[in-house]
Protein backbone atom coordinates (compact mmCIF):
# COMPACT_ATOMS: atom_id res chain seq x y z
CA UNK A 1 -111.43 64.06 -137.34
CA UNK A 2 -114.33 66.47 -137.34
CA UNK A 3 -116.21 67.24 -140.52
CA UNK A 4 -116.84 70.49 -142.39
CA UNK A 5 -117.60 73.59 -140.35
CA UNK A 6 -116.65 71.90 -137.09
CA UNK A 7 -112.99 72.30 -138.07
CA UNK A 8 -113.45 76.07 -137.71
CA UNK A 9 -114.58 75.73 -134.12
CA UNK A 10 -117.67 77.07 -132.43
CA UNK A 11 -119.30 80.38 -133.29
CA UNK A 12 -117.71 81.97 -130.23
CA UNK A 13 -114.27 80.66 -131.34
CA UNK A 14 -114.77 82.22 -134.77
CA UNK A 15 -115.88 85.57 -133.28
CA UNK A 16 -112.85 85.60 -130.97
CA UNK A 17 -110.49 84.95 -133.91
CA UNK A 18 -112.01 87.84 -135.86
CA UNK A 19 -111.69 90.20 -132.89
CA UNK A 20 -108.06 89.17 -132.35
CA UNK A 21 -107.27 89.86 -136.02
CA UNK A 22 -108.95 93.28 -135.81
CA UNK A 23 -106.91 94.13 -132.72
CA UNK A 24 -103.55 92.82 -133.94
CA UNK A 25 -103.65 94.12 -137.52
CA UNK A 26 -105.84 97.19 -137.16
CA UNK A 27 -107.52 99.55 -134.76
CA UNK A 28 -109.79 97.01 -133.10
CA UNK A 29 -112.68 98.23 -135.24
CA UNK A 30 -111.14 98.00 -138.71
CA UNK A 31 -108.10 96.34 -140.27
CA UNK A 32 -106.70 95.99 -143.80
CA UNK A 33 -107.15 93.01 -146.09
CA UNK A 34 -103.68 91.47 -146.07
CA UNK A 35 -104.17 89.35 -149.20
CA UNK A 36 -105.25 92.11 -151.62
CA UNK A 37 -105.31 89.81 -154.65
CA UNK A 38 -108.73 90.82 -156.02
CA UNK A 39 -108.79 93.97 -158.20
CA UNK A 40 -111.80 95.37 -156.28
CA UNK A 41 -110.43 94.52 -152.84
CA UNK A 42 -111.94 96.35 -149.87
CA UNK A 43 -108.95 97.97 -148.23
CA UNK A 44 -110.44 98.33 -144.74
CA UNK A 45 -112.43 95.51 -143.15
CA UNK A 46 -114.84 95.65 -140.23
CA UNK A 47 -116.09 92.77 -138.11
CA UNK A 48 -118.87 92.14 -140.62
CA UNK A 49 -116.69 92.17 -143.75
CA UNK A 50 -113.64 90.36 -142.35
CA UNK A 51 -113.04 86.73 -143.26
CA UNK A 52 -110.30 84.57 -141.78
CA UNK A 53 -107.87 83.12 -144.32
CA UNK A 54 -105.27 80.46 -143.59
CA UNK A 55 -101.68 80.82 -144.78
CA UNK A 56 -101.43 77.06 -145.20
CA UNK A 57 -104.73 76.03 -146.80
CA UNK A 58 -106.91 73.39 -145.20
CA UNK A 59 -106.30 71.07 -148.16
CA UNK A 60 -102.61 71.10 -147.21
CA UNK A 61 -103.29 70.43 -143.53
CA UNK A 62 -103.51 74.06 -142.36
CA UNK A 63 -105.51 74.71 -139.20
CA UNK A 64 -107.25 77.73 -137.72
CA UNK A 65 -104.46 78.57 -135.26
CA UNK A 66 -102.95 81.97 -134.54
CA UNK A 67 -99.76 81.60 -136.60
CA UNK A 68 -101.73 80.40 -139.63
CA UNK A 69 -104.54 82.96 -139.96
CA UNK A 70 -104.78 86.45 -141.44
CA UNK A 71 -107.54 88.96 -142.21
CA UNK A 72 -108.90 88.97 -145.76
CA UNK A 73 -111.94 90.33 -147.57
CA UNK A 74 -114.42 87.84 -148.95
CA UNK A 75 -113.40 88.49 -152.57
CA UNK A 76 -109.71 87.81 -151.96
CA UNK A 77 -110.45 84.78 -149.79
CA UNK A 78 -112.72 83.28 -152.46
CA UNK A 79 -110.26 84.05 -155.24
CA UNK A 80 -107.40 82.36 -153.44
CA UNK A 81 -109.41 79.24 -152.49
CA UNK A 82 -106.96 76.50 -151.53
CA UNK A 83 -103.99 77.72 -153.57
CA UNK A 84 -100.63 78.36 -151.88
CA UNK A 85 -99.74 82.05 -151.49
CA UNK A 86 -96.94 81.78 -154.04
CA UNK A 87 -99.55 80.96 -156.72
CA UNK A 88 -101.55 84.15 -156.16
CA UNK A 89 -98.89 86.65 -155.00
CA UNK A 90 -95.41 87.66 -156.05
CA UNK A 91 -92.58 86.48 -153.80
CA UNK A 92 -91.96 90.11 -152.80
CA UNK A 93 -95.57 90.53 -151.60
CA UNK A 94 -95.39 87.22 -149.72
CA UNK A 95 -92.25 88.46 -147.91
CA UNK A 96 -93.97 91.76 -147.08
CA UNK A 97 -97.00 89.89 -145.75
CA UNK A 98 -94.83 87.63 -143.57
CA UNK A 99 -92.95 90.66 -142.20
CA UNK A 100 -96.26 92.34 -141.29
CA UNK A 101 -97.50 89.21 -139.55
CA UNK A 102 -94.25 88.85 -137.64
CA UNK A 103 -94.43 92.50 -136.54
CA UNK A 104 -97.99 91.93 -135.28
CA UNK A 105 -96.81 88.91 -133.31
CA UNK A 106 -98.81 86.50 -135.44
CA UNK A 107 -95.86 84.28 -136.37
């Protein structure tokens, strides 16, 4: 098993994931933060402000694969850490998030 940052892949892998998220969930230039759990959440993210969050956290065995990633702002991503979605969102918001990801072809 690879250690630390190597689990995320190479820099080009990470850039490609960000671009795919921008295209699938937004306009290709901007997309919304799908977590929106921080009170000061940036609603629209660009390539520079977008972070990749995993639905199943790494501590629970989640990987950086297409069905397990979503766009999030840095504040929401840091606030969530390695908690399951149900600990930071209502079940209604989790269902809405899953529906959006399914519509975008991410699940």
